[in-house]
N, C-alpha and C. Protein backbone atom coordinates (compact mmCIF):
# COMPACT_ATOMS: atom_id res chain seq x y z
N UNK A 1 -4.94 33.18 11.22
CA UNK A 1 -5.81 33.79 11.39
C UNK A 1 -5.53 35.67 10.98
N UNK A 2 -6.85 35.50 10.02
CA UNK A 2 -6.51 37.45 9.60
C UNK A 2 -6.69 38.15 10.02
N UNK A 3 -6.29 39.91 9.67
CA UNK A 3 -6.61 40.83 10.76
C UNK A 3 -6.97 42.17 9.51
N UNK A 4 -7.72 42.23 9.97
CA UNK A 4 -8.50 43.70 8.81
C UNK A 4 -8.60 44.74 10.15
N UNK A 5 -8.12 45.94 9.25
CA UNK A 5 -8.28 47.40 9.31
C UNK A 5 -9.40 47.72 9.17
N UNK A 6 -10.43 48.41 10.44
CA UNK A 6 -11.47 48.88 11.04
C UNK A 6 -11.29 50.18 10.76
N UNK A 7 -13.22 51.18 11.15
CA UNK A 7 -12.56 52.42 11.34
C UNK A 7 -13.50 52.12 13.03
N UNK A 8 -12.72 52.75 14.04
CA UNK A 8 -14.07 52.70 15.67
C UNK A 8 -13.57 54.33 15.86
N UNK A 9 -14.65 55.03 16.12
CA UNK A 9 -14.76 56.25 16.28
C UNK A 9 -13.72 56.64 15.79
N UNK A 10 -13.63 56.69 14.10
CA UNK A 10 -12.23 58.04 13.69
C UNK A 10 -11.14 57.17 13.60
N UNK A 11 -10.81 56.08 14.43
CA UNK A 11 -9.44 55.59 14.77
C UNK A 11 -9.49 54.52 13.58
N UNK A 12 -8.37 53.73 13.37
CA UNK A 12 -8.03 52.64 12.46
C UNK A 12 -7.75 51.24 13.82
N UNK A 13 -8.74 50.67 14.31
CA UNK A 13 -8.10 49.32 14.72
C UNK A 13 -8.09 48.19 13.60
N UNK A 14 -7.16 47.18 13.97
CA UNK A 14 -7.05 45.98 14.10
C UNK A 14 -8.10 45.08 14.14
N UNK A 15 -9.05 44.35 13.48
CA UNK A 15 -9.57 42.93 14.11
C UNK A 15 -9.13 41.58 13.63
N UNK A 16 -9.51 40.82 14.67
CA UNK A 16 -8.92 39.50 14.21
C UNK A 16 -10.38 38.86 13.60
N UNK A 17 -9.90 38.31 12.47
CA UNK A 17 -11.49 37.56 11.52
C UNK A 17 -11.17 36.12 12.56
N UNK A 18 -12.85 35.67 12.72
CA UNK A 18 -13.17 34.35 12.89
C UNK A 18 -13.28 33.76 11.59
N UNK A 19 -12.50 32.55 11.58
CA UNK A 19 -12.56 32.05 10.58
C UNK A 19 -13.57 31.16 10.55
N UNK A 20 -13.67 30.65 8.89
CA UNK A 20 -15.99 30.55 8.42
C UNK A 20 -15.53 29.14 8.82
N UNK A 21 -15.62 28.41 9.86
CA UNK A 21 -15.70 27.02 9.91
C UNK A 21 -16.79 26.81 9.84
N UNK A 22 -18.00 25.05 9.51
CA UNK A 22 -18.93 25.01 9.88
C UNK A 22 -18.98 24.39 11.04
N UNK A 23 -18.15 23.34 11.16
CA UNK A 23 -18.36 23.31 12.88
C UNK A 23 -17.73 23.76 13.69
N UNK A 24 -16.76 23.68 13.88
CA UNK A 24 -15.17 24.16 14.53
C UNK A 24 -15.06 25.14 13.95
N UNK A 25 -15.63 26.37 15.44
CA UNK A 25 -15.29 27.86 15.09
C UNK A 25 -13.79 28.26 15.58
N UNK A 26 -12.83 27.25 15.64
CA UNK A 26 -11.38 27.67 16.51
C UNK A 26 -10.33 26.99 15.53
N UNK A 27 -9.54 28.28 14.88
CA UNK A 27 -8.83 27.43 14.13
C UNK A 27 -7.48 26.59 14.15
N UNK A 28 -7.27 26.65 15.79
CA UNK A 28 -6.29 25.49 16.92
C UNK A 28 -7.01 24.62 16.55
N UNK A 29 -8.04 24.27 16.43
CA UNK A 29 -8.44 23.12 16.69
C UNK A 29 -8.06 22.12 15.72
N UNK A 30 -8.65 23.07 14.50
CA UNK A 30 -8.94 22.12 13.68
C UNK A 30 -7.82 22.29 12.78
N UNK A 31 -6.43 22.50 13.38
CA UNK A 31 -5.40 22.39 13.28
C UNK A 31 -4.38 21.28 14.28
N UNK A 32 -5.34 20.74 15.49
CA UNK A 32 -5.00 20.05 16.35
C UNK A 32 -5.63 18.37 15.69
N UNK A 33 -6.79 19.13 14.67
CA UNK A 33 -7.44 17.69 14.27
C UNK A 33 -6.63 17.19 13.32
N UNK A 34 -5.41 18.33 12.39
CA UNK A 34 -5.46 17.63 11.17
C UNK A 34 -3.67 16.87 11.57
N UNK A 35 -3.50 17.52 12.15
CA UNK A 35 -2.11 16.90 13.02
C UNK A 35 -2.44 16.01 13.61
N UNK A 36 -3.08 15.68 14.05
CA UNK A 36 -3.73 14.27 14.48
C UNK A 36 -3.85 13.06 13.87
N UNK A 37 -4.80 13.63 12.85
CA UNK A 37 -4.64 12.86 11.77
C UNK A 37 -3.45 12.33 10.43
N UNK A 38 -2.63 13.23 10.31
CA UNK A 38 -1.38 13.12 9.80
C UNK A 38 -0.29 12.26 10.66
N UNK A 39 -0.05 12.60 11.82
CA UNK A 39 0.15 11.68 12.98
C UNK A 39 0.13 10.21 12.24
N UNK A 40 -1.49 9.91 12.50
CA UNK A 40 -2.48 8.68 12.74
C UNK A 40 -1.39 7.97 11.46
N UNK A 41 -1.45 8.36 10.49
CA UNK A 41 -1.31 7.80 8.84
C UNK A 41 0.19 7.47 9.04
N UNK A 42 0.17 8.66 9.07
CA UNK A 42 2.46 7.84 9.22
C UNK A 42 2.77 7.65 9.88
N UNK A 43 1.91 7.48 11.59
CA UNK A 43 1.93 6.05 12.62
C UNK A 43 1.50 4.43 11.80
N UNK A 44 0.34 4.81 11.11
CA UNK A 44 0.26 3.58 10.24
C UNK A 44 1.11 2.83 9.55
N UNK A 45 1.19 3.95 8.00
CA UNK A 45 2.57 3.48 7.07
C UNK A 45 3.64 3.44 7.63
N UNK A 46 3.71 3.67 8.88
CA UNK A 46 5.69 3.52 9.81
C UNK A 46 5.42 1.67 9.99
N UNK A 47 4.39 1.83 10.73
CA UNK A 47 4.38 0.40 11.07
C UNK A 47 4.19 -0.38 10.08
N UNK A 48 3.62 -0.61 9.51
CA UNK A 48 3.68 -1.89 7.73
C UNK A 48 5.31 -1.27 7.23
N UNK A 49 4.78 -0.59 7.44
CA UNK A 49 7.07 -0.70 6.52
C UNK A 49 7.62 -1.56 7.51
N UNK A 50 7.62 -1.43 9.14
CA UNK A 50 8.91 -2.28 9.99
C UNK A 50 8.05 -3.58 10.12
N UNK A 51 6.83 -3.64 10.02
CA UNK A 51 6.38 -5.41 10.59
C UNK A 51 6.26 -6.51 9.43
N UNK A 52 5.79 -5.22 8.00
CA UNK A 52 5.45 -6.51 7.13
C UNK A 52 4.60 -7.27 6.81
N UNK A 53 4.63 -7.93 6.99
CA UNK A 53 3.76 -9.22 6.02
C UNK A 53 3.06 -9.96 7.86
N UNK A 54 3.47 -9.18 9.33
CA UNK A 54 3.11 -9.67 9.99
C UNK A 54 2.04 -8.70 10.79
N UNK A 55 2.13 -7.55 10.24
CA UNK A 55 1.38 -6.69 10.28
C UNK A 55 0.42 -6.84 10.87
N UNK A 56 -1.41 -6.15 12.06
CA UNK A 56 -2.00 -6.92 11.84
C UNK A 56 -2.94 -5.25 10.87
N UNK A 57 -3.46 -6.57 9.85
CA UNK A 57 -4.12 -5.50 8.61
C UNK A 57 -5.76 -5.25 8.84
N UNK A 58 -6.42 -5.53 9.71
CA UNK A 58 -7.75 -5.05 10.13
C UNK A 58 -7.75 -5.02 10.75
N UNK A 59 -6.35 -4.27 11.99
CA UNK A 59 -6.29 -3.30 12.71
C UNK A 59 -5.57 -1.54 11.98
N UNK A 60 -4.93 -2.15 11.08
CA UNK A 60 -4.44 -1.22 10.15
C UNK A 60 -5.67 -0.12 9.15
N UNK A 61 -6.57 -0.94 8.58
CA UNK A 61 -7.77 -0.72 8.37
C UNK A 61 -8.28 0.04 8.52
N UNK A 62 -8.82 -0.18 9.78
CA UNK A 62 -9.25 0.44 10.75
C UNK A 62 -8.78 1.66 11.33
N UNK A 63 -7.62 1.98 11.48
CA UNK A 63 -6.76 3.24 11.67
C UNK A 63 -6.78 4.03 10.31
N UNK A 64 -6.70 3.51 9.37
CA UNK A 64 -6.08 4.22 8.34
C UNK A 64 -7.53 5.14 7.88
N UNK A 65 -8.84 4.27 8.67
CA UNK A 65 -10.26 4.47 7.64
C UNK A 65 -10.59 5.76 8.73
N UNK A 66 -9.68 5.41 9.72
CA UNK A 66 -10.39 6.49 11.25
C UNK A 66 -9.62 7.88 11.16
N UNK A 67 -8.18 8.09 10.63
CA UNK A 67 -7.65 9.30 9.49
C UNK A 67 -7.85 9.46 8.64
N UNK A 68 -8.36 9.12 7.88
CA UNK A 68 -9.23 9.64 6.47
C UNK A 68 -11.05 9.86 6.78
N UNK A 69 -11.20 9.95 7.53
CA UNK A 69 -12.56 10.60 8.44
C UNK A 69 -12.37 12.11 8.79
N UNK A 70 -11.19 11.81 9.74
CA UNK A 70 -10.67 13.34 10.33
C UNK A 70 -9.91 13.78 9.35
N UNK A 71 -9.45 13.67 8.18
CA UNK A 71 -8.40 14.61 7.64
C UNK A 71 -9.60 14.70 6.04
N UNK A 72 -10.35 14.06 5.95
CA UNK A 72 -12.12 14.98 4.95
C UNK A 72 -12.41 15.49 6.08
N UNK A 73 -13.16 15.41 6.73
CA UNK A 73 -13.27 16.30 7.93
C UNK A 73 -12.67 17.61 8.12
N UNK A 74 -11.56 17.70 8.23
CA UNK A 74 -11.01 19.04 8.60
C UNK A 74 -10.69 19.62 6.87
N UNK A 75 -10.39 18.56 5.91
CA UNK A 75 -10.70 19.70 4.06
C UNK A 75 -11.78 20.19 4.09
N UNK A 76 -12.92 19.34 4.15
CA UNK A 76 -14.44 19.94 4.09
C UNK A 76 -14.86 21.14 5.07
N UNK A 77 -13.84 21.71 6.29
CA UNK A 77 -13.70 22.47 6.90
C UNK A 77 -13.72 23.95 6.32
N UNK A 78 -12.06 23.53 5.33
CA UNK A 78 -11.27 24.30 4.78
C UNK A 78 -11.94 24.48 3.96
N UNK A 79 -12.91 24.18 2.99
CA UNK A 79 -13.47 24.32 1.48
C UNK A 79 -12.24 23.75 0.58
N UNK A 80 -11.32 22.71 0.74
CA UNK A 80 -10.62 22.36 0.68
C UNK A 80 -10.52 21.09 -1.09
N UNK A 81 -11.77 21.26 -1.66
CA UNK A 81 -11.65 20.17 -2.49
C UNK A 81 -11.08 19.13 -2.94
N UNK A 82 -9.92 19.30 -3.32
CA UNK A 82 -9.31 17.90 -3.84
C UNK A 82 -8.57 17.67 -2.33
N UNK A 83 -7.97 18.31 -1.37
CA UNK A 83 -8.15 16.88 -0.40
C UNK A 83 -9.12 16.23 0.34
N UNK A 84 -10.35 16.94 -0.10
CA UNK A 84 -11.59 16.18 0.22
C UNK A 84 -11.47 14.95 -0.73
N UNK A 85 -11.63 14.73 -2.14
CA UNK A 85 -11.15 13.84 -2.78
C UNK A 85 -10.45 13.60 -2.33
N UNK A 86 -9.22 13.30 -2.55
CA UNK A 86 -8.16 12.55 -1.82
C UNK A 86 -8.64 11.34 -0.65
N UNK A 87 -8.82 11.95 0.18
CA UNK A 87 -9.37 11.94 1.82
C UNK A 87 -10.53 10.63 1.95
N UNK A 88 -11.58 11.49 0.35
CA UNK A 88 -12.55 10.76 0.78
C UNK A 88 -12.75 8.86 -0.29
N UNK A 89 -11.53 9.06 -0.87
CA UNK A 89 -10.59 8.13 -1.92
C UNK A 89 -10.04 7.28 -0.92
N UNK A 90 -9.19 8.41 0.11
CA UNK A 90 -9.07 7.00 1.27
C UNK A 90 -9.97 6.24 1.98
N UNK A 91 -10.84 6.87 2.30
CA UNK A 91 -12.03 6.32 4.02
C UNK A 91 -12.62 5.24 2.24
N UNK A 92 -12.79 5.34 1.34
CA UNK A 92 -13.80 4.26 0.48
C UNK A 92 -12.41 3.25 0.52
N UNK A 93 -11.61 3.26 0.38
CA UNK A 93 -10.41 2.11 0.03
C UNK A 93 -10.25 1.59 1.65
N UNK A 94 -10.16 2.34 2.43
CA UNK A 94 -10.53 1.51 4.25
C UNK A 94 -11.10 1.11 4.45
N UNK A 95 -12.34 1.44 3.68
CA UNK A 95 -13.87 0.78 4.18
C UNK A 95 -13.73 -0.79 3.42
N UNK A 96 -13.26 -0.61 1.75
CA UNK A 96 -13.22 -2.18 1.07
C UNK A 96 -11.97 -2.37 2.68
N UNK A 97 -11.44 -2.00 2.46
CA UNK A 97 -10.73 -3.71 3.47
C UNK A 97 -10.71 -3.80 4.91
N UNK A 98 -11.22 -3.34 5.49
CA UNK A 98 -11.65 -3.61 6.54
C UNK A 98 -12.76 -4.54 6.38
N UNK A 99 -13.50 -4.47 4.87
CA UNK A 99 -14.44 -5.75 4.76
C UNK A 99 -13.67 -6.71 3.80
N UNK A 100 -12.56 -6.63 3.57
CA UNK A 100 -11.63 -8.24 2.83
C UNK A 100 -11.01 -8.72 4.33
N UNK A 101 -10.45 -7.77 5.06
CA UNK A 101 -10.08 -8.56 6.33
C UNK A 101 -11.05 -9.43 7.06
N UNK A 102 -11.89 -8.87 7.16
CA UNK A 102 -12.70 -9.18 8.32
C UNK A 102 -12.91 -10.64 8.26
């Protein structure tokens, strides 16, 4: 969170700037959501690499699609266009994977 120097009654004081979020105003909540999304992605690819062909693929596609939704939303909140594009791509891949696994 950024701090800004402002004058108040002739004295400089430090004020915390609020994040410019669209729906979530708390930076800590946004960081928590990003952390959950990243851990979900790591768990999915870890399970896939450990289980190999025995992996429940429909569950993995659903899991990956949920984490893509979370990470796309977080990128949107931060106006991070490259990550919006990347995670939106994984969102589409996940929907196609769910459809093909069903």
